[in-house]
Amino acid sequence: MSTGEPTKILRIGIWDSIFTTEIATFAAGCFWGVEHIFLKHFSPSQNKGILSTRVGYTGGDALVTNPTYEHVYRGTTNHAEAVRIEFDPSKVAYVQLVGMYANIVSRLVYRQSQNFSIALTIPQC
């Protein structure tokens, strides 16, 4: 499964080792909360698959190139708060991350009785 991201090559002593990472982006409600749940279950410090995360915004009005939290929160830009996850597919499968995301979203939707949009990236096979 490839996301189009480049393969990272680590040099270990005299041996070269190929270490492939993948990227997944998930948007759902508050990015800090979503990021926290992913890190709790796939902790980098416990070598459970997530290597790094970054939060930000995805989608939205193309004319708004640098949205602020206030604009996104008010819904004036049509952006969604998102978390970008770099992960090691030998430790955690993309489908496991999607499963966790579905669990997060189902709980959010259950708690909120309003229109709720979700977004995710699907790697090219």
PDB file of N, CA and C in Angstrom:
ATOM      1  N   MET A   1       0.849  -1.159   0.000  1.00  0.00           N
ATOM      2  CA  MET A   1       0.000   0.000   0.000  1.00  0.00           C
ATOM      3  C   MET A   1       0.901   1.231   0.000  1.00  0.00           C
ATOM      4  N   SER A   2       0.760   2.085  -0.964  1.00  0.00           N
ATOM      5  CA  SER A   2       1.621   3.251  -1.072  1.00  0.00           C
ATOM      6  C   SER A   2       0.794   4.521  -1.038  1.00  0.00           C
ATOM      7  N   THR A   3       1.299   5.534  -0.364  1.00  0.00           N
ATOM      8  CA  THR A   3       0.604   6.813  -0.291  1.00  0.00           C
ATOM      9  C   THR A   3       1.243   7.846  -1.207  1.00  0.00           C
ATOM     10  N   GLY A   4       2.241   7.442  -1.954  1.00  0.00           N
ATOM     11  CA  GLY A   4       2.914   8.393  -2.828  1.00  0.00           C
ATOM     12  C   GLY A   4       4.021   9.163  -2.125  1.00  0.00           C
ATOM     13  N   GLU A   5       4.189   8.927  -0.831  1.00  0.00           N
ATOM     14  CA  GLU A   5       5.251   9.588  -0.087  1.00  0.00           C
ATOM     15  C   GLU A   5       6.568   8.854  -0.358  1.00  0.00           C
ATOM     16  N   PRO A   6       7.689   9.544  -0.324  1.00  0.00           N
ATOM     17  CA  PRO A   6       8.970   8.885  -0.603  1.00  0.00           C
ATOM     18  C   PRO A   6       9.351   7.906   0.501  1.00  0.00           C
ATOM     19  N   THR A   7      10.090   6.883   0.125  1.00  0.00           N
ATOM     20  CA  THR A   7      10.620   5.927   1.082  1.00  0.00           C
ATOM     21  C   THR A   7      11.821   6.553   1.770  1.00  0.00           C
ATOM     22  N   LYS A   8      11.904   6.387   3.075  1.00  0.00           N
ATOM     23  CA  LYS A   8      13.044   6.914   3.822  1.00  0.00           C
ATOM     24  C   LYS A   8      14.090   5.817   3.947  1.00  0.00           C
ATOM     25  N   ILE A   9      15.335   6.161   3.745  1.00  0.00           N
ATOM     26  CA  ILE A   9      16.423   5.195   3.879  1.00  0.00           C
ATOM     27  C   ILE A   9      17.265   5.601   5.078  1.00  0.00           C
ATOM     28  N   LEU A  10      17.386   4.675   6.015  1.00  0.00           N
ATOM     29  CA  LEU A  10      18.210   4.909   7.200  1.00  0.00           C
ATOM     30  C   LEU A  10      19.542   4.210   7.019  1.00  0.00           C
ATOM     31  N   ARG A  11      20.603   4.852   7.401  1.00  0.00           N
ATOM     32  CA  ARG A  11      21.922   4.233   7.342  1.00  0.00           C
ATOM     33  C   ARG A  11      22.298   3.792   8.753  1.00  0.00           C
ATOM     34  N   ILE A  12      22.522   2.490   8.879  1.00  0.00           N
ATOM     35  CA  ILE A  12      22.859   1.920  10.178  1.00  0.00           C
ATOM     36  C   ILE A  12      24.231   1.262  10.033  1.00  0.00           C
ATOM     37  N   GLY A  13      25.233   1.908  10.583  1.00  0.00           N
ATOM     38  CA  GLY A  13      26.600   1.382  10.459  1.00  0.00           C
ATOM     39  C   GLY A  13      26.968   1.267   8.989  1.00  0.00           C
ATOM     40  N   ILE A  14      27.508   0.106   8.607  1.00  0.00           N
ATOM     41  CA  ILE A  14      27.888  -0.084   7.212  1.00  0.00           C
ATOM     42  C   ILE A  14      26.737  -0.659   6.392  1.00  0.00           C
ATOM     43  N   TRP A  15      25.641  -1.028   7.057  1.00  0.00           N
ATOM     44  CA  TRP A  15      24.499  -1.607   6.357  1.00  0.00           C
ATOM     45  C   TRP A  15      23.464  -0.539   6.045  1.00  0.00           C
ATOM     46  N   ASP A  16      22.901  -0.583   4.865  1.00  0.00           N
ATOM     47  CA  ASP A  16      21.800   0.301   4.512  1.00  0.00           C
ATOM     48  C   ASP A  16      20.500  -0.468   4.709  1.00  0.00           C
ATOM     49  N   SER A  17      19.534   0.166   5.291  1.00  0.00           N
ATOM     50  CA  SER A  17      18.252  -0.475   5.542  1.00  0.00           C
ATOM     51  C   SER A  17      17.139   0.411   4.993  1.00  0.00           C
ATOM     52  N   ILE A  18      16.191  -0.192   4.313  1.00  0.00           N
ATOM     53  CA  ILE A  18      15.054   0.583   3.811  1.00  0.00           C
ATOM     54  C   ILE A  18      13.953   0.533   4.850  1.00  0.00           C
ATOM     55  N   PHE A  19      13.521   1.697   5.244  1.00  0.00           N
ATOM     56  CA  PHE A  19      12.498   1.856   6.270  1.00  0.00           C
ATOM     57  C   PHE A  19      11.370   2.659   5.630  1.00  0.00           C
ATOM     58  N   THR A  20      10.281   1.986   5.304  1.00  0.00           N
ATOM     59  CA  THR A  20       9.180   2.638   4.612  1.00  0.00           C
ATOM     60  C   THR A  20       8.183   3.199   5.616  1.00  0.00           C
ATOM     61  N   THR A  21       7.841   4.454   5.450  1.00  0.00           N
ATOM     62  CA  THR A  21       6.798   5.062   6.267  1.00  0.00           C
ATOM     63  C   THR A  21       5.641   5.443   5.357  1.00  0.00           C
ATOM     64  N   GLU A  22       4.471   5.566   5.952  1.00  0.00           N
ATOM     65  CA  GLU A  22       3.287   5.997   5.214  1.00  0.00           C
ATOM     66  C   GLU A  22       2.644   7.148   5.951  1.00  0.00           C
ATOM     67  N   ILE A  23       1.805   7.863   5.231  1.00  0.00           N
ATOM     68  CA  ILE A  23       1.116   9.033   5.771  1.00  0.00           C
ATOM     69  C   ILE A  23      -0.391   8.799   5.688  1.00  0.00           C
ATOM     70  N   ALA A  24      -1.076   9.133   6.767  1.00  0.00           N
ATOM     71  CA  ALA A  24      -2.542   9.107   6.794  1.00  0.00           C
ATOM     72  C   ALA A  24      -3.005  10.441   7.370  1.00  0.00           C
ATOM     73  N   THR A  25      -4.062  10.996   6.812  1.00  0.00           N
ATOM     74  CA  THR A  25      -4.618  12.250   7.309  1.00  0.00           C
ATOM     75  C   THR A  25      -6.077  12.031   7.657  1.00  0.00           C
ATOM     76  N   PHE A  26      -6.448  12.402   8.884  1.00  0.00           N
ATOM     77  CA  PHE A  26      -7.816  12.227   9.359  1.00  0.00           C
ATOM     78  C   PHE A  26      -8.342  13.557   9.881  1.00  0.00           C
ATOM     79  N   ALA A  27      -9.574  13.878   9.537  1.00  0.00           N
ATOM     80  CA  ALA A  27     -10.215  15.102  10.011  1.00  0.00           C
ATOM     81  C   ALA A  27     -11.508  14.748  10.717  1.00  0.00           C
ATOM     82  N   ALA A  28     -11.655  15.253  11.928  1.00  0.00           N
ATOM     83  CA  ALA A  28     -12.881  15.006  12.691  1.00  0.00           C
ATOM     84  C   ALA A  28     -12.898  15.891  13.926  1.00  0.00           C
ATOM     85  N   GLY A  29     -13.731  16.890  13.916  1.00  0.00           N
ATOM     86  CA  GLY A  29     -13.874  17.719  15.114  1.00  0.00           C
ATOM     87  C   GLY A  29     -12.573  18.364  15.532  1.00  0.00           C
ATOM     88  N   CYS A  30     -12.269  18.291  16.785  1.00  0.00           N
ATOM     89  CA  CYS A  30     -11.081  18.922  17.368  1.00  0.00           C
ATOM     90  C   CYS A  30      -9.824  18.122  17.059  1.00  0.00           C
ATOM     91  N   PHE A  31      -8.860  18.725  16.350  1.00  0.00           N
ATOM     92  CA  PHE A  31      -7.665  17.961  15.989  1.00  0.00           C
ATOM     93  C   PHE A  31      -6.837  17.554  17.197  1.00  0.00           C
ATOM     94  N   TRP A  32      -6.834  18.366  18.255  1.00  0.00           N
ATOM     95  CA  TRP A  32      -6.041  18.005  19.438  1.00  0.00           C
ATOM     96  C   TRP A  32      -6.589  16.743  20.086  1.00  0.00           C
ATOM     97  N   GLY A  33      -7.908  16.619  20.160  1.00  0.00           N
ATOM     98  CA  GLY A  33      -8.523  15.432  20.749  1.00  0.00           C
ATOM     99  C   GLY A  33      -8.277  14.192  19.916  1.00  0.00           C
ATOM    100  N   VAL A  34      -8.418  14.316  18.603  1.00  0.00           N
ATOM    101  CA  VAL A  34      -8.193  13.187  17.696  1.00  0.00           C
ATOM    102  C   VAL A  34      -6.731  12.751  17.760  1.00  0.00           C
ATOM    103  N   GLU A  35      -5.832  13.711  17.742  1.00  0.00           N
ATOM    104  CA  GLU A  35      -4.400  13.394  17.841  1.00  0.00           C
ATOM    105  C   GLU A  35      -4.108  12.665  19.157  1.00  0.00           C
ATOM    106  N   HIS A  36      -4.674  13.155  20.251  1.00  0.00           N
ATOM    107  CA  HIS A  36      -4.446  12.553  21.565  1.00  0.00           C
ATOM    108  C   HIS A  36      -4.866  11.078  21.584  1.00  0.00           C
ATOM    109  N   ILE A  37      -6.019  10.771  21.016  1.00  0.00           N
ATOM    110  CA  ILE A  37      -6.511   9.390  21.015  1.00  0.00           C
ATOM    111  C   ILE A  37      -5.594   8.492  20.192  1.00  0.00           C
ATOM    112  N   PHE A  38      -5.184   8.959  19.013  1.00  0.00           N
ATOM    113  CA  PHE A  38      -4.262   8.152  18.200  1.00  0.00           C
ATOM    114  C   PHE A  38      -2.952   7.899  18.951  1.00  0.00           C
ATOM    115  N   LEU A  39      -2.397   8.941  19.564  1.00  0.00           N
ATOM    116  CA  LEU A  39      -1.122   8.792  20.273  1.00  0.00           C
ATOM    117  C   LEU A  39      -1.260   7.895  21.506  1.00  0.00           C
ATOM    118  N   LYS A  40      -2.414   7.909  22.130  1.00  0.00           N
ATOM    119  CA  LYS A  40      -2.657   7.055  23.294  1.00  0.00           C
ATOM    120  C   LYS A  40      -2.625   5.576  22.894  1.00  0.00           C
ATOM    121  N   HIS A  41      -3.174   5.252  21.728  1.00  0.00           N
ATOM    122  CA  HIS A  41      -3.279   3.856  21.312  1.00  0.00           C
ATOM    123  C   HIS A  41      -2.089   3.352  20.490  1.00  0.00           C
ATOM    124  N   PHE A  42      -1.388   4.257  19.799  1.00  0.00           N
ATOM    125  CA  PHE A  42      -0.271   3.858  18.934  1.00  0.00           C
ATOM    126  C   PHE A  42       0.958   4.711  19.267  1.00  0.00           C
ATOM    127  N   SER A  43       1.311   4.720  20.523  1.00  0.00           N
ATOM    128  CA  SER A  43       2.323   5.612  21.077  1.00  0.00           C
ATOM    129  C   SER A  43       3.705   5.461  20.430  1.00  0.00           C
ATOM    130  N   PRO A  44       4.289   6.584  19.986  1.00  0.00           N
ATOM    131  CA  PRO A  44       5.666   6.535  19.473  1.00  0.00           C
ATOM    132  C   PRO A  44       6.661   6.084  20.550  1.00  0.00           C
ATOM    133  N   SER A  45       6.447   6.505  21.785  1.00  0.00           N
ATOM    134  CA  SER A  45       7.397   6.160  22.848  1.00  0.00           C
ATOM    135  C   SER A  45       7.367   4.669  23.175  1.00  0.00           C
ATOM    136  N   GLN A  46       6.277   3.993  22.827  1.00  0.00           N
ATOM    137  CA  GLN A  46       6.178   2.546  23.059  1.00  0.00           C
ATOM    138  C   GLN A  46       6.349   1.753  21.766  1.00  0.00           C
ATOM    139  N   ASN A  47       6.780   2.450  20.702  1.00  0.00           N
ATOM    140  CA  ASN A  47       7.061   1.817  19.415  1.00  0.00           C
ATOM    141  C   ASN A  47       5.852   1.038  18.875  1.00  0.00           C
ATOM    142  N   LYS A  48       4.668   1.679  18.946  1.00  0.00           N
ATOM    143  CA  LYS A  48       3.441   1.018  18.507  1.00  0.00           C
ATOM    144  C   LYS A  48       3.006   1.406  17.098  1.00  0.00           C
ATOM    145  N   GLY A  49       3.848   2.147  16.377  1.00  0.00           N
ATOM    146  CA  GLY A  49       3.563   2.389  14.969  1.00  0.00           C
ATOM    147  C   GLY A  49       3.530   3.829  14.515  1.00  0.00           C
ATOM    148  N   ILE A  50       3.011   4.734  15.327  1.00  0.00           N
ATOM    149  CA  ILE A  50       3.009   6.140  14.932  1.00  0.00           C
ATOM    150  C   ILE A  50       4.396   6.710  15.178  1.00  0.00           C
ATOM    151  N   LEU A  51       4.934   7.359  14.159  1.00  0.00           N
ATOM    152  CA  LEU A  51       6.261   7.962  14.256  1.00  0.00           C
ATOM    153  C   LEU A  51       6.182   9.444  14.599  1.00  0.00           C
ATOM    154  N   SER A  52       5.201  10.132  13.982  1.00  0.00           N
ATOM    155  CA  SER A  52       5.023  11.553  14.268  1.00  0.00           C
ATOM    156  C   SER A  52       3.620  11.978  13.853  1.00  0.00           C
ATOM    157  N   THR A  53       3.178  13.075  14.420  1.00  0.00           N
ATOM    158  CA  THR A  53       1.881  13.656  14.050  1.00  0.00           C
ATOM    159  C   THR A  53       2.052  15.150  13.850  1.00  0.00           C
ATOM    160  N   ARG A  54       1.137  15.717  13.097  1.00  0.00           N
ATOM    161  CA  ARG A  54       1.100  17.166  12.897  1.00  0.00           C
ATOM    162  C   ARG A  54      -0.353  17.546  12.719  1.00  0.00           C
ATOM    163  N   VAL A  55      -0.805  18.575  13.388  1.00  0.00           N
ATOM    164  CA  VAL A  55      -2.187  19.009  13.255  1.00  0.00           C
ATOM    165  C   VAL A  55      -2.267  20.245  12.378  1.00  0.00           C
ATOM    166  N   GLY A  56      -3.417  20.432  11.761  1.00  0.00           N
ATOM    167  CA  GLY A  56      -3.632  21.586  10.895  1.00  0.00           C
ATOM    168  C   GLY A  56      -5.027  21.526  10.302  1.00  0.00           C
ATOM    169  N   TYR A  57      -5.167  22.082   9.119  1.00  0.00           N
ATOM    170  CA  TYR A  57      -6.465  22.165   8.466  1.00  0.00           C
ATOM    171  C   TYR A  57      -6.392  21.545   7.083  1.00  0.00           C
ATOM    172  N   THR A  58      -7.519  21.007   6.625  1.00  0.00           N
ATOM    173  CA  THR A  58      -7.585  20.408   5.307  1.00  0.00           C
ATOM    174  C   THR A  58      -8.851  20.879   4.604  1.00  0.00           C
ATOM    175  N   GLY A  59      -8.815  20.804   3.271  1.00  0.00           N
ATOM    176  CA  GLY A  59      -9.990  21.215   2.489  1.00  0.00           C
ATOM    177  C   GLY A  59     -10.194  22.707   2.561  1.00  0.00           C
ATOM    178  N   GLY A  60     -11.428  23.116   2.445  1.00  0.00           N
ATOM    179  CA  GLY A  60     -11.778  24.515   2.619  1.00  0.00           C
ATOM    180  C   GLY A  60     -11.710  25.343   1.357  1.00  0.00           C
ATOM    181  N   ASP A  61     -11.996  26.603   1.529  1.00  0.00           N
ATOM    182  CA  ASP A  61     -12.019  27.582   0.456  1.00  0.00           C
ATOM    183  C   ASP A  61     -10.599  27.790  -0.076  1.00  0.00           C
ATOM    184  N   ALA A  62     -10.417  27.594  -1.377  1.00  0.00           N
ATOM    185  CA  ALA A  62      -9.087  27.718  -1.992  1.00  0.00           C
ATOM    186  C   ALA A  62      -8.515  29.131  -1.863  1.00  0.00           C
ATOM    187  N   LEU A  63      -9.359  30.126  -1.686  1.00  0.00           N
ATOM    188  CA  LEU A  63      -8.892  31.507  -1.553  1.00  0.00           C
ATOM    189  C   LEU A  63      -8.322  31.787  -0.160  1.00  0.00           C
ATOM    190  N   VAL A  64      -8.599  30.909   0.802  1.00  0.00           N
ATOM    191  CA  VAL A  64      -8.074  31.073   2.157  1.00  0.00           C
ATOM    192  C   VAL A  64      -6.851  30.175   2.287  1.00  0.00           C
ATOM    193  N   THR A  65      -5.678  30.770   2.116  1.00  0.00           N
ATOM    194  CA  THR A  65      -4.452  29.971   2.081  1.00  0.00           C
ATOM    195  C   THR A  65      -3.850  29.733   3.462  1.00  0.00           C
ATOM    196  N   ASN A  66      -4.188  30.550   4.441  1.00  0.00           N
ATOM    197  CA  ASN A  66      -3.628  30.394   5.779  1.00  0.00           C
ATOM    198  C   ASN A  66      -4.724  30.648   6.811  1.00  0.00           C
ATOM    199  N   PRO A  67      -5.636  29.693   6.964  1.00  0.00           N
ATOM    200  CA  PRO A  67      -6.764  29.937   7.873  1.00  0.00           C
ATOM    201  C   PRO A  67      -6.318  29.994   9.328  1.00  0.00           C
ATOM    202  N   THR A  68      -7.019  30.787  10.120  1.00  0.00           N
ATOM    203  CA  THR A  68      -6.762  30.839  11.555  1.00  0.00           C
ATOM    204  C   THR A  68      -7.743  29.902  12.254  1.00  0.00           C
ATOM    205  N   TYR A  69      -7.422  29.561  13.490  1.00  0.00           N
ATOM    206  CA  TYR A  69      -8.307  28.692  14.260  1.00  0.00           C
ATOM    207  C   TYR A  69      -9.697  29.320  14.375  1.00  0.00           C
ATOM    208  N   GLU A  70      -9.739  30.628  14.622  1.00  0.00           N
ATOM    209  CA  GLU A  70     -11.018  31.316  14.788  1.00  0.00           C
ATOM    210  C   GLU A  70     -11.874  31.209  13.526  1.00  0.00           C
ATOM    211  N   HIS A  71     -11.270  31.385  12.354  1.00  0.00           N
ATOM    212  CA  HIS A  71     -12.020  31.268  11.101  1.00  0.00           C
ATOM    213  C   HIS A  71     -12.556  29.851  10.905  1.00  0.00           C
ATOM    214  N   VAL A  72     -11.712  28.871  11.153  1.00  0.00           N
ATOM    215  CA  VAL A  72     -12.118  27.475  10.975  1.00  0.00           C
ATOM    216  C   VAL A  72     -13.198  27.113  11.989  1.00  0.00           C
ATOM    217  N   TYR A  73     -13.008  27.527  13.236  1.00  0.00           N
ATOM    218  CA  TYR A  73     -13.964  27.218  14.299  1.00  0.00           C
ATOM    219  C   TYR A  73     -15.339  27.805  13.982  1.00  0.00           C
ATOM    220  N   ARG A  74     -15.354  29.015  13.445  1.00  0.00           N
ATOM    221  CA  ARG A  74     -16.628  29.668  13.093  1.00  0.00           C
ATOM    222  C   ARG A  74     -17.268  29.064  11.847  1.00  0.00           C
ATOM    223  N   GLY A  75     -16.500  28.296  11.092  1.00  0.00           N
ATOM    224  CA  GLY A  75     -17.046  27.665   9.894  1.00  0.00           C
ATOM    225  C   GLY A  75     -17.082  28.564   8.678  1.00  0.00           C
ATOM    226  N   THR A  76     -16.331  29.651   8.701  1.00  0.00           N
ATOM    227  CA  THR A  76     -16.387  30.602   7.587  1.00  0.00           C
ATOM    228  C   THR A  76     -15.485  30.228   6.420  1.00  0.00           C
ATOM    229  N   THR A  77     -14.607  29.226   6.592  1.00  0.00           N
ATOM    230  CA  THR A  77     -13.669  28.870   5.522  1.00  0.00           C
ATOM    231  C   THR A  77     -13.925  27.491   4.920  1.00  0.00           C
ATOM    232  N   ASN A  78     -14.796  26.719   5.540  1.00  0.00           N
ATOM    233  CA  ASN A  78     -15.098  25.333   5.134  1.00  0.00           C
ATOM    234  C   ASN A  78     -13.896  24.396   5.287  1.00  0.00           C
ATOM    235  N   HIS A  79     -12.911  24.778   6.075  1.00  0.00           N
ATOM    236  CA  HIS A  79     -11.799  23.889   6.386  1.00  0.00           C
ATOM    237  C   HIS A  79     -12.209  22.929   7.499  1.00  0.00           C
ATOM    238  N   ALA A  80     -11.508  21.814   7.598  1.00  0.00           N
ATOM    239  CA  ALA A  80     -11.703  20.867   8.689  1.00  0.00           C
ATOM    240  C   ALA A  80     -10.408  20.741   9.466  1.00  0.00           C
ATOM    241  N   GLU A  81     -10.514  20.618  10.776  1.00  0.00           N
ATOM    242  CA  GLU A  81      -9.339  20.369  11.595  1.00  0.00           C
ATOM    243  C   GLU A  81      -8.885  18.932  11.326  1.00  0.00           C
ATOM    244  N   ALA A  82      -7.584  18.744  11.140  1.00  0.00           N
ATOM    245  CA  ALA A  82      -7.078  17.423  10.751  1.00  0.00           C
ATOM    246  C   ALA A  82      -5.779  17.100  11.462  1.00  0.00           C
ATOM    247  N   VAL A  83      -5.499  15.807  11.540  1.00  0.00           N
ATOM    248  CA  VAL A  83      -4.221  15.336  12.063  1.00  0.00           C
ATOM    249  C   VAL A  83      -3.556  14.502  10.973  1.00  0.00           C
ATOM    250  N   ARG A  84      -2.284  14.807  10.712  1.00  0.00           N
ATOM    251  CA  ARG A  84      -1.478  14.068   9.733  1.00  0.00           C
ATOM    252  C   ARG A  84      -0.591  13.117  10.531  1.00  0.00           C
ATOM    253  N   ILE A  85      -0.670  11.838  10.196  1.00  0.00           N
ATOM    254  CA  ILE A  85       0.048  10.816  10.945  1.00  0.00           C
ATOM    255  C   ILE A  85       1.071  10.141  10.044  1.00  0.00           C
ATOM    256  N   GLU A  86       2.327  10.178  10.455  1.00  0.00           N
ATOM    257  CA  GLU A  86       3.360   9.386   9.787  1.00  0.00           C
ATOM    258  C   GLU A  86       3.496   8.108  10.601  1.00  0.00           C
ATOM    259  N   PHE A  87       3.383   6.960   9.917  1.00  0.00           N
ATOM    260  CA  PHE A  87       3.406   5.705  10.654  1.00  0.00           C
ATOM    261  C   PHE A  87       4.241   4.649   9.951  1.00  0.00           C
ATOM    262  N   ASP A  88       4.634   3.659  10.734  1.00  0.00           N
ATOM    263  CA  ASP A  88       5.422   2.528  10.258  1.00  0.00           C
ATOM    264  C   ASP A  88       4.447   1.389   9.973  1.00  0.00           C
ATOM    265  N   PRO A  89       4.229   1.047   8.696  1.00  0.00           N
ATOM    266  CA  PRO A  89       3.250   0.008   8.357  1.00  0.00           C
ATOM    267  C   PRO A  89       3.649  -1.398   8.810  1.00  0.00           C
ATOM    268  N   SER A  90       4.894  -1.574   9.230  1.00  0.00           N
ATOM    269  CA  SER A  90       5.277  -2.876   9.770  1.00  0.00           C
ATOM    270  C   SER A  90       4.835  -3.022  11.240  1.00  0.00           C
ATOM    271  N   LYS A  91       4.461  -1.909  11.855  1.00  0.00           N
ATOM    272  CA  LYS A  91       4.013  -1.919  13.259  1.00  0.00           C
ATOM    273  C   LYS A  91       2.502  -1.749  13.385  1.00  0.00           C
ATOM    274  N   VAL A  92       1.923  -0.920  12.519  1.00  0.00           N
ATOM    275  CA  VAL A  92       0.483  -0.675  12.549  1.00  0.00           C
ATOM    276  C   VAL A  92      -0.005  -0.540  11.099  1.00  0.00           C
ATOM    277  N   ALA A  93      -1.050  -1.251  10.779  1.00  0.00           N
ATOM    278  CA  ALA A  93      -1.602  -1.210   9.422  1.00  0.00           C
ATOM    279  C   ALA A  93      -2.517  -0.002   9.252  1.00  0.00           C
ATOM    280  N   TYR A  94      -2.572   0.486   8.026  1.00  0.00           N
ATOM    281  CA  TYR A  94      -3.461   1.613   7.715  1.00  0.00           C
ATOM    282  C   TYR A  94      -4.888   1.294   8.133  1.00  0.00           C
ATOM    283  N   VAL A  95      -5.327   0.058   7.909  1.00  0.00           N
ATOM    284  CA  VAL A  95      -6.695  -0.331   8.258  1.00  0.00           C
ATOM    285  C   VAL A  95      -6.925  -0.232   9.771  1.00  0.00           C
ATOM    286  N   GLN A  96      -5.899  -0.442  10.590  1.00  0.00           N
ATOM    287  CA  GLN A  96      -6.036  -0.269  12.035  1.00  0.00           C
ATOM    288  C   GLN A  96      -6.260   1.206  12.383  1.00  0.00           C
ATOM    289  N   LEU A  97      -5.538   2.093  11.701  1.00  0.00           N
ATOM    290  CA  LEU A  97      -5.728   3.522  11.931  1.00  0.00           C
ATOM    291  C   LEU A  97      -7.129   3.952  11.494  1.00  0.00           C
ATOM    292  N   VAL A  98      -7.579   3.432  10.357  1.00  0.00           N
ATOM    293  CA  VAL A  98      -8.931   3.756   9.886  1.00  0.00           C
ATOM    294  C   VAL A  98      -9.972   3.239  10.887  1.00  0.00           C
ATOM    295  N   GLY A  99      -9.740   2.048  11.433  1.00  0.00           N
ATOM    296  CA  GLY A  99     -10.639   1.516  12.451  1.00  0.00           C
ATOM    297  C   GLY A  99     -10.712   2.400  13.681  1.00  0.00           C
ATOM    298  N   MET A 100      -9.562   2.887  14.127  1.00  0.00           N
ATOM    299  CA  MET A 100      -9.538   3.795  15.272  1.00  0.00           C
ATOM    300  C   MET A 100     -10.270   5.090  14.928  1.00  0.00           C
ATOM    301  N   TYR A 101     -10.041   5.592  13.720  1.00  0.00           N
ATOM    302  CA  TYR A 101     -10.716   6.808  13.264  1.00  0.00           C
ATOM    303  C   TYR A 101     -12.233   6.612  13.256  1.00  0.00           C
ATOM    304  N   ALA A 102     -12.693   5.472  12.741  1.00  0.00           N
ATOM    305  CA  ALA A 102     -14.130   5.188  12.711  1.00  0.00           C
ATOM    306  C   ALA A 102     -14.697   5.158  14.126  1.00  0.00           C
ATOM    307  N   ASN A 103     -13.945   4.605  15.049  1.00  0.00           N
ATOM    308  CA  ASN A 103     -14.367   4.562  16.448  1.00  0.00           C
ATOM    309  C   ASN A 103     -14.473   5.983  17.015  1.00  0.00           C
ATOM    310  N   ILE A 104     -13.481   6.812  16.723  1.00  0.00           N
ATOM    311  CA  ILE A 104     -13.488   8.204  17.198  1.00  0.00           C
ATOM    312  C   ILE A 104     -14.695   8.937  16.629  1.00  0.00           C
ATOM    313  N   VAL A 105     -14.890   8.821  15.328  1.00  0.00           N
ATOM    314  CA  VAL A 105     -15.967   9.550  14.662  1.00  0.00           C
ATOM    315  C   VAL A 105     -17.334   9.070  15.147  1.00  0.00           C
ATOM    316  N   SER A 106     -17.504   7.758  15.316  1.00  0.00           N
ATOM    317  CA  SER A 106     -18.800   7.255  15.763  1.00  0.00           C
ATOM    318  C   SER A 106     -19.149   7.807  17.140  1.00  0.00           C
ATOM    319  N   ARG A 107     -18.150   7.957  17.994  1.00  0.00           N
ATOM    320  CA  ARG A 107     -18.395   8.539  19.324  1.00  0.00           C
ATOM    321  C   ARG A 107     -18.720  10.024  19.225  1.00  0.00           C
ATOM    322  N   LEU A 108     -18.020  10.733  18.338  1.00  0.00           N
ATOM    323  CA  LEU A 108     -18.295  12.157  18.162  1.00  0.00           C
ATOM    324  C   LEU A 108     -19.695  12.380  17.603  1.00  0.00           C
ATOM    325  N   VAL A 109     -20.064  11.592  16.616  1.00  0.00           N
ATOM    326  CA  VAL A 109     -21.380  11.739  15.995  1.00  0.00           C
ATOM    327  C   VAL A 109     -22.466  11.405  17.005  1.00  0.00           C
ATOM    328  N   TYR A 110     -22.234  10.386  17.805  1.00  0.00           N
ATOM    329  CA  TYR A 110     -23.210   9.998  18.820  1.00  0.00           C
ATOM    330  C   TYR A 110     -23.419  11.123  19.827  1.00  0.00           C
ATOM    331  N   ARG A 111     -22.342  11.810  20.193  1.00  0.00           N
ATOM    332  CA  ARG A 111     -22.419  12.889  21.191  1.00  0.00           C
ATOM    333  C   ARG A 111     -23.004  14.176  20.620  1.00  0.00           C
ATOM    334  N   GLN A 112     -22.921  14.355  19.313  1.00  0.00           N
ATOM    335  CA  GLN A 112     -23.375  15.599  18.703  1.00  0.00           C
ATOM    336  C   GLN A 112     -24.525  15.287  17.764  1.00  0.00           C
ATOM    337  N   SER A 113     -25.626  15.977  17.944  1.00  0.00           N
ATOM    338  CA  SER A 113     -26.778  15.735  17.077  1.00  0.00           C
ATOM    339  C   SER A 113     -26.879  16.832  16.018  1.00  0.00           C
ATOM    340  N   GLN A 114     -25.774  17.103  15.365  1.00  0.00           N
ATOM    341  CA  GLN A 114     -25.735  18.110  14.307  1.00  0.00           C
ATOM    342  C   GLN A 114     -25.051  17.520  13.085  1.00  0.00           C
ATOM    343  N   ASN A 115     -25.095  18.230  11.992  1.00  0.00           N
ATOM    344  CA  ASN A 115     -24.379  17.771  10.800  1.00  0.00           C
ATOM    345  C   ASN A 115     -22.899  17.700  11.130  1.00  0.00           C
ATOM    346  N   PHE A 116     -22.280  16.637  10.703  1.00  0.00           N
ATOM    347  CA  PHE A 116     -20.878  16.402  11.048  1.00  0.00           C
ATOM    348  C   PHE A 116     -20.200  15.817   9.833  1.00  0.00           C
ATOM    349  N   SER A 117     -19.124  16.434   9.384  1.00  0.00           N
ATOM    350  CA  SER A 117     -18.439  15.923   8.203  1.00  0.00           C
ATOM    351  C   SER A 117     -17.116  15.284   8.614  1.00  0.00           C
ATOM    352  N   ILE A 118     -16.717  14.269   7.863  1.00  0.00           N
ATOM    353  CA  ILE A 118     -15.452  13.599   8.112  1.00  0.00           C
ATOM    354  C   ILE A 118     -14.668  13.541   6.816  1.00  0.00           C
ATOM    355  N   ALA A 119     -13.359  13.431   6.947  1.00  0.00           N
ATOM    356  CA  ALA A 119     -12.500  13.318   5.768  1.00  0.00           C
ATOM    357  C   ALA A 119     -11.331  12.413   6.098  1.00  0.00           C
ATOM    358  N   LEU A 120     -10.928  11.616   5.125  1.00  0.00           N
ATOM    359  CA  LEU A 120      -9.735  10.811   5.316  1.00  0.00           C
ATOM    360  C   LEU A 120      -9.054  10.622   3.969  1.00  0.00           C
ATOM    361  N   THR A 121      -7.776  10.350   4.025  1.00  0.00           N
ATOM    362  CA  THR A 121      -7.040  10.072   2.786  1.00  0.00           C
ATOM    363  C   THR A 121      -6.912   8.575   2.627  1.00  0.00           C
ATOM    364  N   ILE A 122      -7.069   8.119   1.429  1.00  0.00           N
ATOM    365  CA  ILE A 122      -6.945   6.698   1.135  1.00  0.00           C
ATOM    366  C   ILE A 122      -5.746   6.513   0.232  1.00  0.00           C
ATOM    367  N   PRO A 123      -4.771   5.721   0.676  1.00  0.00           N
ATOM    368  CA  PRO A 123      -3.570   5.533  -0.144  1.00  0.00           C
ATOM    369  C   PRO A 123      -3.898   4.798  -1.422  1.00  0.00           C
ATOM    370  N   GLN A 124      -3.103   5.062  -2.441  1.00  0.00           N
ATOM    371  CA  GLN A 124      -3.268   4.354  -3.710  1.00  0.00           C
ATOM    372  C   GLN A 124      -2.709   2.947  -3.549  1.00  0.00           C
ATOM    373  N   CYS A 125      -3.409   1.983  -4.106  1.00  0.00           N
ATOM    374  CA  CYS A 125      -2.962   0.596  -3.995  1.00  0.00           C
ATOM    375  C   CYS A 125      -2.175   0.199  -5.234  1.00  0.00           C
TER     376      CYS A 125
END
